[in-house]
mmCIF file of all heavy atoms, coordinates in Angstrom:
data_MODEL
# 
_entry.id   MODEL 
# 
loop_
_atom_site.group_PDB 
_atom_site.id 
_atom_site.type_symbol 
_atom_site.label_atom_id 
_atom_site.label_alt_id 
_atom_site.label_comp_id 
_atom_site.label_asym_id 
_atom_site.label_entity_id 
_atom_site.label_seq_id 
_atom_site.pdbx_PDB_ins_code 
_atom_site.Cartn_x 
_atom_site.Cartn_y 
_atom_site.Cartn_z 
_atom_site.occupancy 
_atom_site.B_iso_or_equiv 
_atom_site.pdbx_formal_charge 
_atom_site.auth_seq_id 
_atom_site.auth_comp_id 
_atom_site.auth_asym_id 
_atom_site.auth_atom_id 
_atom_site.pdbx_PDB_model_num 
ATOM 1   N N   . LEU A 1 1  ? 1.573   5.095   -14.530 1.00 0.00 ? 1  LEU A N   1 
ATOM 2   C CA  . LEU A 1 1  ? 2.752   5.119   -15.390 1.00 0.00 ? 1  LEU A CA  1 
ATOM 3   C C   . LEU A 1 1  ? 3.672   6.224   -14.971 1.00 0.00 ? 1  LEU A C   1 
ATOM 4   O O   . LEU A 1 1  ? 3.270   7.374   -14.803 1.00 0.00 ? 1  LEU A O   1 
ATOM 5   C CB  . LEU A 1 1  ? 2.361   5.304   -16.844 1.00 0.00 ? 1  LEU A CB  1 
ATOM 6   C CG  . LEU A 1 1  ? 3.508   5.512   -17.868 1.00 0.00 ? 1  LEU A CG  1 
ATOM 7   C CD1 . LEU A 1 1  ? 4.323   4.264   -17.954 1.00 0.00 ? 1  LEU A CD1 1 
ATOM 8   C CD2 . LEU A 1 1  ? 2.922   5.869   -19.194 1.00 0.00 ? 1  LEU A CD2 1 
ATOM 9   N N   . VAL A 1 2  ? 4.902   5.885   -14.778 1.00 0.00 ? 2  VAL A N   1 
ATOM 10  C CA  . VAL A 1 2  ? 5.924   6.956   -14.321 1.00 0.00 ? 2  VAL A CA  1 
ATOM 11  C C   . VAL A 1 2  ? 7.205   6.632   -15.086 1.00 0.00 ? 2  VAL A C   1 
ATOM 12  O O   . VAL A 1 2  ? 7.579   5.473   -15.419 1.00 0.00 ? 2  VAL A O   1 
ATOM 13  C CB  . VAL A 1 2  ? 6.082   6.853   -12.812 1.00 0.00 ? 2  VAL A CB  1 
ATOM 14  C CG1 . VAL A 1 2  ? 6.650   5.486   -12.358 1.00 0.00 ? 2  VAL A CG1 1 
ATOM 15  C CG2 . VAL A 1 2  ? 6.985   7.962   -12.297 1.00 0.00 ? 2  VAL A CG2 1 
ATOM 16  N N   . GLN A 1 3  ? 7.997   7.678   -15.302 1.00 0.00 ? 3  GLN A N   1 
ATOM 17  C CA  . GLN A 1 3  ? 9.251   7.517   -15.992 1.00 0.00 ? 3  GLN A CA  1 
ATOM 18  C C   . GLN A 1 3  ? 10.312  7.029   -15.019 1.00 0.00 ? 3  GLN A C   1 
ATOM 19  O O   . GLN A 1 3  ? 10.229  7.229   -13.814 1.00 0.00 ? 3  GLN A O   1 
ATOM 20  C CB  . GLN A 1 3  ? 9.713   8.839   -16.585 1.00 0.00 ? 3  GLN A CB  1 
ATOM 21  C CG  . GLN A 1 3  ? 8.841   9.335   -17.724 1.00 0.00 ? 3  GLN A CG  1 
ATOM 22  C CD  . GLN A 1 3  ? 9.389   10.561  -18.411 1.00 0.00 ? 3  GLN A CD  1 
ATOM 23  O OE1 . GLN A 1 3  ? 10.197  11.263  -17.816 1.00 0.00 ? 3  GLN A OE1 1 
ATOM 24  N NE2 . GLN A 1 3  ? 8.900   10.888  -19.633 1.00 0.00 ? 3  GLN A NE2 1 
ATOM 25  N N   . PRO A 1 4  ? 11.335  6.367   -15.565 1.00 0.00 ? 4  PRO A N   1 
ATOM 26  C CA  . PRO A 1 4  ? 12.475  5.938   -14.709 1.00 0.00 ? 4  PRO A CA  1 
ATOM 27  C C   . PRO A 1 4  ? 13.034  7.125   -13.947 1.00 0.00 ? 4  PRO A C   1 
ATOM 28  O O   . PRO A 1 4  ? 13.216  8.246   -14.514 1.00 0.00 ? 4  PRO A O   1 
ATOM 29  C CB  . PRO A 1 4  ? 13.477  5.376   -15.705 1.00 0.00 ? 4  PRO A CB  1 
ATOM 30  C CG  . PRO A 1 4  ? 12.623  4.886   -16.804 1.00 0.00 ? 4  PRO A CG  1 
ATOM 31  C CD  . PRO A 1 4  ? 11.452  5.870   -16.938 1.00 0.00 ? 4  PRO A CD  1 
ATOM 32  N N   . GLY A 1 5  ? 13.318  6.900   -12.666 1.00 0.00 ? 5  GLY A N   1 
ATOM 33  C CA  . GLY A 1 5  ? 13.836  7.975   -11.792 1.00 0.00 ? 5  GLY A CA  1 
ATOM 34  C C   . GLY A 1 5  ? 12.705  8.766   -11.133 1.00 0.00 ? 5  GLY A C   1 
ATOM 35  O O   . GLY A 1 5  ? 12.974  9.587   -10.206 1.00 0.00 ? 5  GLY A O   1 
ATOM 36  N N   . GLY A 1 6  ? 11.480  8.538   -11.486 1.00 0.00 ? 6  GLY A N   1 
ATOM 37  C CA  . GLY A 1 6  ? 10.427  9.264   -10.920 1.00 0.00 ? 6  GLY A CA  1 
ATOM 38  C C   . GLY A 1 6  ? 9.877   8.673   -9.592  1.00 0.00 ? 6  GLY A C   1 
ATOM 39  O O   . GLY A 1 6  ? 10.506  7.715   -9.088  1.00 0.00 ? 6  GLY A O   1 
ATOM 40  N N   . SER A 1 7  ? 8.838   9.260   -9.077  1.00 0.00 ? 7  SER A N   1 
ATOM 41  C CA  . SER A 1 7  ? 8.288   8.880   -7.839  1.00 0.00 ? 7  SER A CA  1 
ATOM 42  C C   . SER A 1 7  ? 6.772   8.614   -7.926  1.00 0.00 ? 7  SER A C   1 
ATOM 43  O O   . SER A 1 7  ? 6.175   9.120   -8.837  1.00 0.00 ? 7  SER A O   1 
ATOM 44  C CB  . SER A 1 7  ? 8.489   9.939   -6.763  1.00 0.00 ? 7  SER A CB  1 
ATOM 45  O OG  . SER A 1 7  ? 9.915   10.179  -6.598  1.00 0.00 ? 7  SER A OG  1 
ATOM 46  N N   . LEU A 1 8  ? 6.291   7.757   -7.022  1.00 0.00 ? 8  LEU A N   1 
ATOM 47  C CA  . LEU A 1 8  ? 4.883   7.445   -7.029  1.00 0.00 ? 8  LEU A CA  1 
ATOM 48  C C   . LEU A 1 8  ? 4.528   7.092   -5.587  1.00 0.00 ? 8  LEU A C   1 
ATOM 49  O O   . LEU A 1 8  ? 5.343   6.501   -4.901  1.00 0.00 ? 8  LEU A O   1 
ATOM 50  C CB  . LEU A 1 8  ? 4.613   6.300   -7.935  1.00 0.00 ? 8  LEU A CB  1 
ATOM 51  C CG  . LEU A 1 8  ? 3.218   6.119   -8.578  1.00 0.00 ? 8  LEU A CG  1 
ATOM 52  C CD1 . LEU A 1 8  ? 2.836   7.318   -9.398  1.00 0.00 ? 8  LEU A CD1 1 
ATOM 53  C CD2 . LEU A 1 8  ? 3.197   4.837   -9.422  1.00 0.00 ? 8  LEU A CD2 1 
ATOM 54  N N   . ARG A 1 9  ? 3.288   7.392   -5.231  1.00 0.00 ? 9  ARG A N   1 
ATOM 55  C CA  . ARG A 1 9  ? 2.847   6.986   -3.852  1.00 0.00 ? 9  ARG A CA  1 
ATOM 56  C C   . ARG A 1 9  ? 1.584   6.182   -3.962  1.00 0.00 ? 9  ARG A C   1 
ATOM 57  O O   . ARG A 1 9  ? 0.597   6.547   -4.624  1.00 0.00 ? 9  ARG A O   1 
ATOM 58  C CB  . ARG A 1 9  ? 2.548   8.272   -3.070  1.00 0.00 ? 9  ARG A CB  1 
ATOM 59  C CG  . ARG A 1 9  ? 2.185   8.052   -1.595  1.00 0.00 ? 9  ARG A CG  1 
ATOM 60  C CD  . ARG A 1 9  ? 1.804   9.307   -0.914  1.00 0.00 ? 9  ARG A CD  1 
ATOM 61  N NE  . ARG A 1 9  ? 1.744   9.251   0.510   1.00 0.00 ? 9  ARG A NE  1 
ATOM 62  C CZ  . ARG A 1 9  ? 0.689   9.700   1.192   1.00 0.00 ? 9  ARG A CZ  1 
ATOM 63  N NH1 . ARG A 1 9  ? -0.341  10.310  0.584   1.00 0.00 ? 9  ARG A NH1 1 
ATOM 64  N NH2 . ARG A 1 9  ? 0.646   9.583   2.544   1.00 0.00 ? 9  ARG A NH2 1 
ATOM 65  N N   . LEU A 1 10 ? 1.645   5.035   -3.337  1.00 0.00 ? 10 LEU A N   1 
ATOM 66  C CA  . LEU A 1 10 ? 0.473   4.087   -3.277  1.00 0.00 ? 10 LEU A CA  1 
ATOM 67  C C   . LEU A 1 10 ? -0.155  4.226   -1.925  1.00 0.00 ? 10 LEU A C   1 
ATOM 68  O O   . LEU A 1 10 ? 0.486   4.432   -0.911  1.00 0.00 ? 10 LEU A O   1 
ATOM 69  C CB  . LEU A 1 10 ? 0.952   2.663   -3.514  1.00 0.00 ? 10 LEU A CB  1 
ATOM 70  C CG  . LEU A 1 10 ? 1.668   2.399   -4.815  1.00 0.00 ? 10 LEU A CG  1 
ATOM 71  C CD1 . LEU A 1 10 ? 1.904   0.851   -4.878  1.00 0.00 ? 10 LEU A CD1 1 
ATOM 72  C CD2 . LEU A 1 10 ? 0.911   2.857   -5.988  1.00 0.00 ? 10 LEU A CD2 1 
ATOM 73  N N   . SER A 1 11 ? -1.524  4.190   -1.925  1.00 0.00 ? 11 SER A N   1 
ATOM 74  C CA  . SER A 1 11 ? -2.288  4.219   -0.734  1.00 0.00 ? 11 SER A CA  1 
ATOM 75  C C   . SER A 1 11 ? -3.150  2.976   -0.592  1.00 0.00 ? 11 SER A C   1 
ATOM 76  O O   . SER A 1 11 ? -3.566  2.402   -1.598  1.00 0.00 ? 11 SER A O   1 
ATOM 77  C CB  . SER A 1 11 ? -3.158  5.472   -0.696  1.00 0.00 ? 11 SER A CB  1 
ATOM 78  O OG  . SER A 1 11 ? -2.401  6.666   -0.869  1.00 0.00 ? 11 SER A OG  1 
ATOM 79  N N   . CYS A 1 12 ? -3.359  2.581   0.581   1.00 0.00 ? 12 CYS A N   1 
ATOM 80  C CA  . CYS A 1 12 ? -4.229  1.430   0.910   1.00 0.00 ? 12 CYS A CA  1 
ATOM 81  C C   . CYS A 1 12 ? -5.100  1.701   2.129   1.00 0.00 ? 12 CYS A C   1 
ATOM 82  O O   . CYS A 1 12 ? -4.497  2.004   3.195   1.00 0.00 ? 12 CYS A O   1 
ATOM 83  C CB  . CYS A 1 12 ? -3.432  0.196   1.084   1.00 0.00 ? 12 CYS A CB  1 
ATOM 84  S SG  . CYS A 1 12 ? -4.378  -1.285  1.555   1.00 0.00 ? 12 CYS A SG  1 
ATOM 85  N N   . ALA A 1 13 ? -6.366  1.672   1.976   1.00 0.00 ? 13 ALA A N   1 
ATOM 86  C CA  . ALA A 1 13 ? -7.289  1.900   3.110   1.00 0.00 ? 13 ALA A CA  1 
ATOM 87  C C   . ALA A 1 13 ? -7.903  0.557   3.530   1.00 0.00 ? 13 ALA A C   1 
ATOM 88  O O   . ALA A 1 13 ? -8.433  -0.216  2.677   1.00 0.00 ? 13 ALA A O   1 
ATOM 89  C CB  . ALA A 1 13 ? -8.369  2.856   2.739   1.00 0.00 ? 13 ALA A CB  1 
ATOM 90  N N   . ALA A 1 14 ? -7.927  0.289   4.839   1.00 0.00 ? 14 ALA A N   1 
ATOM 91  C CA  . ALA A 1 14 ? -8.523  -0.903  5.399   1.00 0.00 ? 14 ALA A CA  1 
ATOM 92  C C   . ALA A 1 14 ? -9.811  -0.592  6.016   1.00 0.00 ? 14 ALA A C   1 
ATOM 93  O O   . ALA A 1 14 ? -9.996  0.453   6.708   1.00 0.00 ? 14 ALA A O   1 
ATOM 94  C CB  . ALA A 1 14 ? -7.527  -1.570  6.365   1.00 0.00 ? 14 ALA A CB  1 
ATOM 95  N N   . SER A 1 15 ? -10.774 -1.495  5.851   1.00 0.00 ? 15 SER A N   1 
ATOM 96  C CA  . SER A 1 15 ? -12.039 -1.370  6.523   1.00 0.00 ? 15 SER A CA  1 
ATOM 97  C C   . SER A 1 15 ? -12.458 -2.740  7.014   1.00 0.00 ? 15 SER A C   1 
ATOM 98  O O   . SER A 1 15 ? -11.870 -3.751  6.682   1.00 0.00 ? 15 SER A O   1 
ATOM 99  C CB  . SER A 1 15 ? -13.063 -0.812  5.590   1.00 0.00 ? 15 SER A CB  1 
ATOM 100 O OG  . SER A 1 15 ? -13.303 -1.649  4.448   1.00 0.00 ? 15 SER A OG  1 
ATOM 101 N N   . GLY A 1 16 ? -13.504 -2.780  7.831   1.00 0.00 ? 16 GLY A N   1 
ATOM 102 C CA  . GLY A 1 16 ? -13.960 -4.067  8.369   1.00 0.00 ? 16 GLY A CA  1 
ATOM 103 C C   . GLY A 1 16 ? -13.339 -4.220  9.739   1.00 0.00 ? 16 GLY A C   1 
ATOM 104 O O   . GLY A 1 16 ? -13.274 -3.280  10.537  1.00 0.00 ? 16 GLY A O   1 
ATOM 105 N N   . SER A 1 17 ? -12.921 -5.451  9.975   1.00 0.00 ? 17 SER A N   1 
ATOM 106 C CA  . SER A 1 17 ? -12.346 -5.743  11.312  1.00 0.00 ? 17 SER A CA  1 
ATOM 107 C C   . SER A 1 17 ? -10.860 -5.378  11.347  1.00 0.00 ? 17 SER A C   1 
ATOM 108 O O   . SER A 1 17 ? -9.996  -6.199  11.513  1.00 0.00 ? 17 SER A O   1 
ATOM 109 C CB  . SER A 1 17 ? -12.464 -7.284  11.611  1.00 0.00 ? 17 SER A CB  1 
ATOM 110 O OG  . SER A 1 17 ? -13.851 -7.655  11.577  1.00 0.00 ? 17 SER A OG  1 
ATOM 111 N N   . SER A 1 18 ? -10.627 -4.045  11.178  1.00 0.00 ? 18 SER A N   1 
ATOM 112 C CA  . SER A 1 18 ? -9.271  -3.612  11.001  1.00 0.00 ? 18 SER A CA  1 
ATOM 113 C C   . SER A 1 18 ? -8.576  -3.187  12.262  1.00 0.00 ? 18 SER A C   1 
ATOM 114 O O   . SER A 1 18 ? -7.430  -2.843  12.262  1.00 0.00 ? 18 SER A O   1 
ATOM 115 C CB  . SER A 1 18 ? -9.274  -2.410  10.059  1.00 0.00 ? 18 SER A CB  1 
ATOM 116 O OG  . SER A 1 18 ? -10.164 -1.375  10.546  1.00 0.00 ? 18 SER A OG  1 
ATOM 117 N N   . ARG A 1 19 ? -9.244  -3.336  13.458  1.00 0.00 ? 19 ARG A N   1 
ATOM 118 C CA  . ARG A 1 19 ? -8.593  -2.942  14.681  1.00 0.00 ? 19 ARG A CA  1 
ATOM 119 C C   . ARG A 1 19 ? -7.535  -3.892  15.099  1.00 0.00 ? 19 ARG A C   1 
ATOM 120 O O   . ARG A 1 19 ? -6.630  -3.487  15.828  1.00 0.00 ? 19 ARG A O   1 
ATOM 121 C CB  . ARG A 1 19 ? -9.660  -2.885  15.773  1.00 0.00 ? 19 ARG A CB  1 
ATOM 122 C CG  . ARG A 1 19 ? -10.580 -1.705  15.710  1.00 0.00 ? 19 ARG A CG  1 
ATOM 123 C CD  . ARG A 1 19 ? -11.476 -1.575  16.946  1.00 0.00 ? 19 ARG A CD  1 
ATOM 124 N NE  . ARG A 1 19 ? -12.285 -0.385  16.920  1.00 0.00 ? 19 ARG A NE  1 
ATOM 125 C CZ  . ARG A 1 19 ? -13.049 -0.043  17.934  1.00 0.00 ? 19 ARG A CZ  1 
ATOM 126 N NH1 . ARG A 1 19 ? -13.140 -0.754  19.038  1.00 0.00 ? 19 ARG A NH1 1 
ATOM 127 N NH2 . ARG A 1 19 ? -13.770 1.084   17.838  1.00 0.00 ? 19 ARG A NH2 1 
ATOM 128 N N   . SER A 1 20 ? -7.619  -5.092  14.594  1.00 0.00 ? 20 SER A N   1 
ATOM 129 C CA  . SER A 1 20 ? -6.648  -6.121  15.052  1.00 0.00 ? 20 SER A CA  1 
ATOM 130 C C   . SER A 1 20 ? -5.539  -6.347  14.042  1.00 0.00 ? 20 SER A C   1 
ATOM 131 O O   . SER A 1 20 ? -4.922  -7.399  14.031  1.00 0.00 ? 20 SER A O   1 
ATOM 132 C CB  . SER A 1 20 ? -7.372  -7.416  15.340  1.00 0.00 ? 20 SER A CB  1 
ATOM 133 O OG  . SER A 1 20 ? -8.413  -7.241  16.286  1.00 0.00 ? 20 SER A OG  1 
ATOM 134 N N   . ILE A 1 21 ? -5.290  -5.358  13.168  1.00 0.00 ? 21 ILE A N   1 
ATOM 135 C CA  . ILE A 1 21 ? -4.288  -5.536  12.168  1.00 0.00 ? 21 ILE A CA  1 
ATOM 136 C C   . ILE A 1 21 ? -2.927  -5.511  12.847  1.00 0.00 ? 21 ILE A C   1 
ATOM 137 O O   . ILE A 1 21 ? -2.579  -4.567  13.511  1.00 0.00 ? 21 ILE A O   1 
ATOM 138 C CB  . ILE A 1 21 ? -4.374  -4.509  11.053  1.00 0.00 ? 21 ILE A CB  1 
ATOM 139 C CG1 . ILE A 1 21 ? -5.649  -4.724  10.252  1.00 0.00 ? 21 ILE A CG1 1 
ATOM 140 C CG2 . ILE A 1 21 ? -3.173  -4.563  10.141  1.00 0.00 ? 21 ILE A CG2 1 
ATOM 141 C CD1 . ILE A 1 21 ? -5.893  -3.691  9.210   1.00 0.00 ? 21 ILE A CD1 1 
ATOM 142 N N   . TYR A 1 22 ? -2.129  -6.560  12.672  1.00 0.00 ? 22 TYR A N   1 
ATOM 143 C CA  . TYR A 1 22 ? -0.787  -6.654  13.253  1.00 0.00 ? 22 TYR A CA  1 
ATOM 144 C C   . TYR A 1 22 ? 0.287   -6.002  12.357  1.00 0.00 ? 22 TYR A C   1 
ATOM 145 O O   . TYR A 1 22 ? 1.210   -5.434  12.870  1.00 0.00 ? 22 TYR A O   1 
ATOM 146 C CB  . TYR A 1 22 ? -0.482  -8.143  13.535  1.00 0.00 ? 22 TYR A CB  1 
ATOM 147 C CG  . TYR A 1 22 ? 0.937   -8.351  13.935  1.00 0.00 ? 22 TYR A CG  1 
ATOM 148 C CD1 . TYR A 1 22 ? 1.415   -7.848  15.138  1.00 0.00 ? 22 TYR A CD1 1 
ATOM 149 C CD2 . TYR A 1 22 ? 1.774   -9.144  13.182  1.00 0.00 ? 22 TYR A CD2 1 
ATOM 150 C CE1 . TYR A 1 22 ? 2.693   -8.061  15.582  1.00 0.00 ? 22 TYR A CE1 1 
ATOM 151 C CE2 . TYR A 1 22 ? 3.067   -9.422  13.637  1.00 0.00 ? 22 TYR A CE2 1 
ATOM 152 C CZ  . TYR A 1 22 ? 3.531   -8.845  14.775  1.00 0.00 ? 22 TYR A CZ  1 
ATOM 153 O OH  . TYR A 1 22 ? 4.829   -9.099  15.175  1.00 0.00 ? 22 TYR A OH  1 
ATOM 154 N N   . ALA A 1 23 ? 0.104   -6.170  11.052  1.00 0.00 ? 23 ALA A N   1 
ATOM 155 C CA  . ALA A 1 23 ? 1.073   -5.633  10.137  1.00 0.00 ? 23 ALA A CA  1 
ATOM 156 C C   . ALA A 1 23 ? 0.315   -5.239  8.846   1.00 0.00 ? 23 ALA A C   1 
ATOM 157 O O   . ALA A 1 23 ? -0.617  -5.859  8.453   1.00 0.00 ? 23 ALA A O   1 
ATOM 158 C CB  . ALA A 1 23 ? 2.140   -6.657  9.853   1.00 0.00 ? 23 ALA A CB  1 
ATOM 159 N N   . MET A 1 24 ? 0.885   -4.206  8.182   1.00 0.00 ? 24 MET A N   1 
ATOM 160 C CA  . MET A 1 24 ? 0.381   -3.819  6.864   1.00 0.00 ? 24 MET A CA  1 
ATOM 161 C C   . MET A 1 24 ? 1.577   -3.502  6.039   1.00 0.00 ? 24 MET A C   1 
ATOM 162 O O   . MET A 1 24 ? 2.587   -3.079  6.462   1.00 0.00 ? 24 MET A O   1 
ATOM 163 C CB  . MET A 1 24 ? -0.529  -2.588  6.972   1.00 0.00 ? 24 MET A CB  1 
ATOM 164 C CG  . MET A 1 24 ? -1.841  -2.850  7.627   1.00 0.00 ? 24 MET A CG  1 
ATOM 165 S SD  . MET A 1 24 ? -2.938  -1.355  7.500   1.00 0.00 ? 24 MET A SD  1 
ATOM 166 C CE  . MET A 1 24 ? -3.510  -1.580  5.803   1.00 0.00 ? 24 MET A CE  1 
ATOM 167 N N   . GLY A 1 25 ? 1.393   -3.838  4.718   1.00 0.00 ? 25 GLY A N   1 
ATOM 168 C CA  . GLY A 1 25 ? 2.507   -3.571  3.791   1.00 0.00 ? 25 GLY A CA  1 
ATOM 169 C C   . GLY A 1 25 ? 2.106   -3.807  2.389   1.00 0.00 ? 25 GLY A C   1 
ATOM 170 O O   . GLY A 1 25 ? 0.937   -3.777  2.035   1.00 0.00 ? 25 GLY A O   1 
ATOM 171 N N   . TRP A 1 26 ? 3.142   -4.101  1.557   1.00 0.00 ? 26 TRP A N   1 
ATOM 172 C CA  . TRP A 1 26 ? 2.962   -4.232  0.135   1.00 0.00 ? 26 TRP A CA  1 
ATOM 173 C C   . TRP A 1 26 ? 3.768   -5.426  -0.411  1.00 0.00 ? 26 TRP A C   1 
ATOM 174 O O   . TRP A 1 26 ? 4.924   -5.594  -0.006  1.00 0.00 ? 26 TRP A O   1 
ATOM 175 C CB  . TRP A 1 26 ? 3.412   -2.947  -0.597  1.00 0.00 ? 26 TRP A CB  1 
ATOM 176 C CG  . TRP A 1 26 ? 2.593   -1.757  -0.142  1.00 0.00 ? 26 TRP A CG  1 
ATOM 177 C CD1 . TRP A 1 26 ? 2.810   -0.928  0.899   1.00 0.00 ? 26 TRP A CD1 1 
ATOM 178 C CD2 . TRP A 1 26 ? 1.425   -1.274  -0.825  1.00 0.00 ? 26 TRP A CD2 1 
ATOM 179 N NE1 . TRP A 1 26 ? 1.839   0.067   0.992   1.00 0.00 ? 26 TRP A NE1 1 
ATOM 180 C CE2 . TRP A 1 26 ? 0.964   -0.151  -0.048  1.00 0.00 ? 26 TRP A CE2 1 
ATOM 181 C CE3 . TRP A 1 26 ? 0.719   -1.635  -1.936  1.00 0.00 ? 26 TRP A CE3 1 
ATOM 182 C CZ2 . TRP A 1 26 ? -0.136  0.593   -0.406  1.00 0.00 ? 26 TRP A CZ2 1 
ATOM 183 C CZ3 . TRP A 1 26 ? -0.419  -0.941  -2.295  1.00 0.00 ? 26 TRP A CZ3 1 
ATOM 184 C CH2 . TRP A 1 26 ? -0.823  0.207   -1.558  1.00 0.00 ? 26 TRP A CH2 1 
ATOM 185 N N   . TYR A 1 27 ? 3.143   -6.087  -1.333  1.00 0.00 ? 27 TYR A N   1 
ATOM 186 C CA  . TYR A 1 27 ? 3.824   -7.113  -2.165  1.00 0.00 ? 27 TYR A CA  1 
ATOM 187 C C   . TYR A 1 27 ? 3.683   -6.693  -3.576  1.00 0.00 ? 27 TYR A C   1 
ATOM 188 O O   . TYR A 1 27 ? 2.878   -5.822  -3.917  1.00 0.00 ? 27 TYR A O   1 
ATOM 189 C CB  . TYR A 1 27 ? 3.177   -8.457  -1.943  1.00 0.00 ? 27 TYR A CB  1 
ATOM 190 C CG  . TYR A 1 27 ? 3.569   -9.197  -0.685  1.00 0.00 ? 27 TYR A CG  1 
ATOM 191 C CD1 . TYR A 1 27 ? 3.222   -8.762  0.594   1.00 0.00 ? 27 TYR A CD1 1 
ATOM 192 C CD2 . TYR A 1 27 ? 4.429   -10.349 -0.786  1.00 0.00 ? 27 TYR A CD2 1 
ATOM 193 C CE1 . TYR A 1 27 ? 3.595   -9.398  1.708   1.00 0.00 ? 27 TYR A CE1 1 
ATOM 194 C CE2 . TYR A 1 27 ? 4.774   -11.021 0.370   1.00 0.00 ? 27 TYR A CE2 1 
ATOM 195 C CZ  . TYR A 1 27 ? 4.413   -10.537 1.626   1.00 0.00 ? 27 TYR A CZ  1 
ATOM 196 O OH  . TYR A 1 27 ? 4.776   -11.255 2.765   1.00 0.00 ? 27 TYR A OH  1 
ATOM 197 N N   . ARG A 1 28 ? 4.422   -7.310  -4.521  1.00 0.00 ? 28 ARG A N   1 
ATOM 198 C CA  . ARG A 1 28 ? 4.290   -7.024  -5.893  1.00 0.00 ? 28 ARG A CA  1 
ATOM 199 C C   . ARG A 1 28 ? 4.504   -8.259  -6.708  1.00 0.00 ? 28 ARG A C   1 
ATOM 200 O O   . ARG A 1 28 ? 5.136   -9.223  -6.256  1.00 0.00 ? 28 ARG A O   1 
ATOM 201 C CB  . ARG A 1 28 ? 5.271   -5.915  -6.358  1.00 0.00 ? 28 ARG A CB  1 
ATOM 202 C CG  . ARG A 1 28 ? 6.690   -6.341  -6.323  1.00 0.00 ? 28 ARG A CG  1 
ATOM 203 C CD  . ARG A 1 28 ? 7.594   -5.127  -6.656  1.00 0.00 ? 28 ARG A CD  1 
ATOM 204 N NE  . ARG A 1 28 ? 9.018   -5.449  -6.657  1.00 0.00 ? 28 ARG A NE  1 
ATOM 205 C CZ  . ARG A 1 28 ? 9.985   -4.536  -6.766  1.00 0.00 ? 28 ARG A CZ  1 
ATOM 206 N NH1 . ARG A 1 28 ? 9.713   -3.285  -6.945  1.00 0.00 ? 28 ARG A NH1 1 
ATOM 207 N NH2 . ARG A 1 28 ? 11.256  -4.941  -6.756  1.00 0.00 ? 28 ARG A NH2 1 
ATOM 208 N N   . GLN A 1 29 ? 3.905   -8.247  -7.910  1.00 0.00 ? 29 GLN A N   1 
ATOM 209 C CA  . GLN A 1 29 ? 4.070   -9.378  -8.794  1.00 0.00 ? 29 GLN A CA  1 
ATOM 210 C C   . GLN A 1 29 ? 4.237   -8.936  -10.170 1.00 0.00 ? 29 GLN A C   1 
ATOM 211 O O   . GLN A 1 29 ? 3.362   -8.220  -10.768 1.00 0.00 ? 29 GLN A O   1 
ATOM 212 C CB  . GLN A 1 29 ? 2.886   -10.352 -8.700  1.00 0.00 ? 29 GLN A CB  1 
ATOM 213 C CG  . GLN A 1 29 ? 2.994   -11.639 -9.438  1.00 0.00 ? 29 GLN A CG  1 
ATOM 214 C CD  . GLN A 1 29 ? 1.966   -12.638 -9.095  1.00 0.00 ? 29 GLN A CD  1 
ATOM 215 O OE1 . GLN A 1 29 ? 0.950   -12.321 -8.543  1.00 0.00 ? 29 GLN A OE1 1 
ATOM 216 N NE2 . GLN A 1 29 ? 2.250   -13.936 -9.378  1.00 0.00 ? 29 GLN A NE2 1 
# 
């Protein structure tokens, strides 16, 4: 939870067959 105007940092760690990752990013719903 963050107030309007604030900041937040999301992290995502990949494991497994991650050497062949072509792109990484974020979606939201």
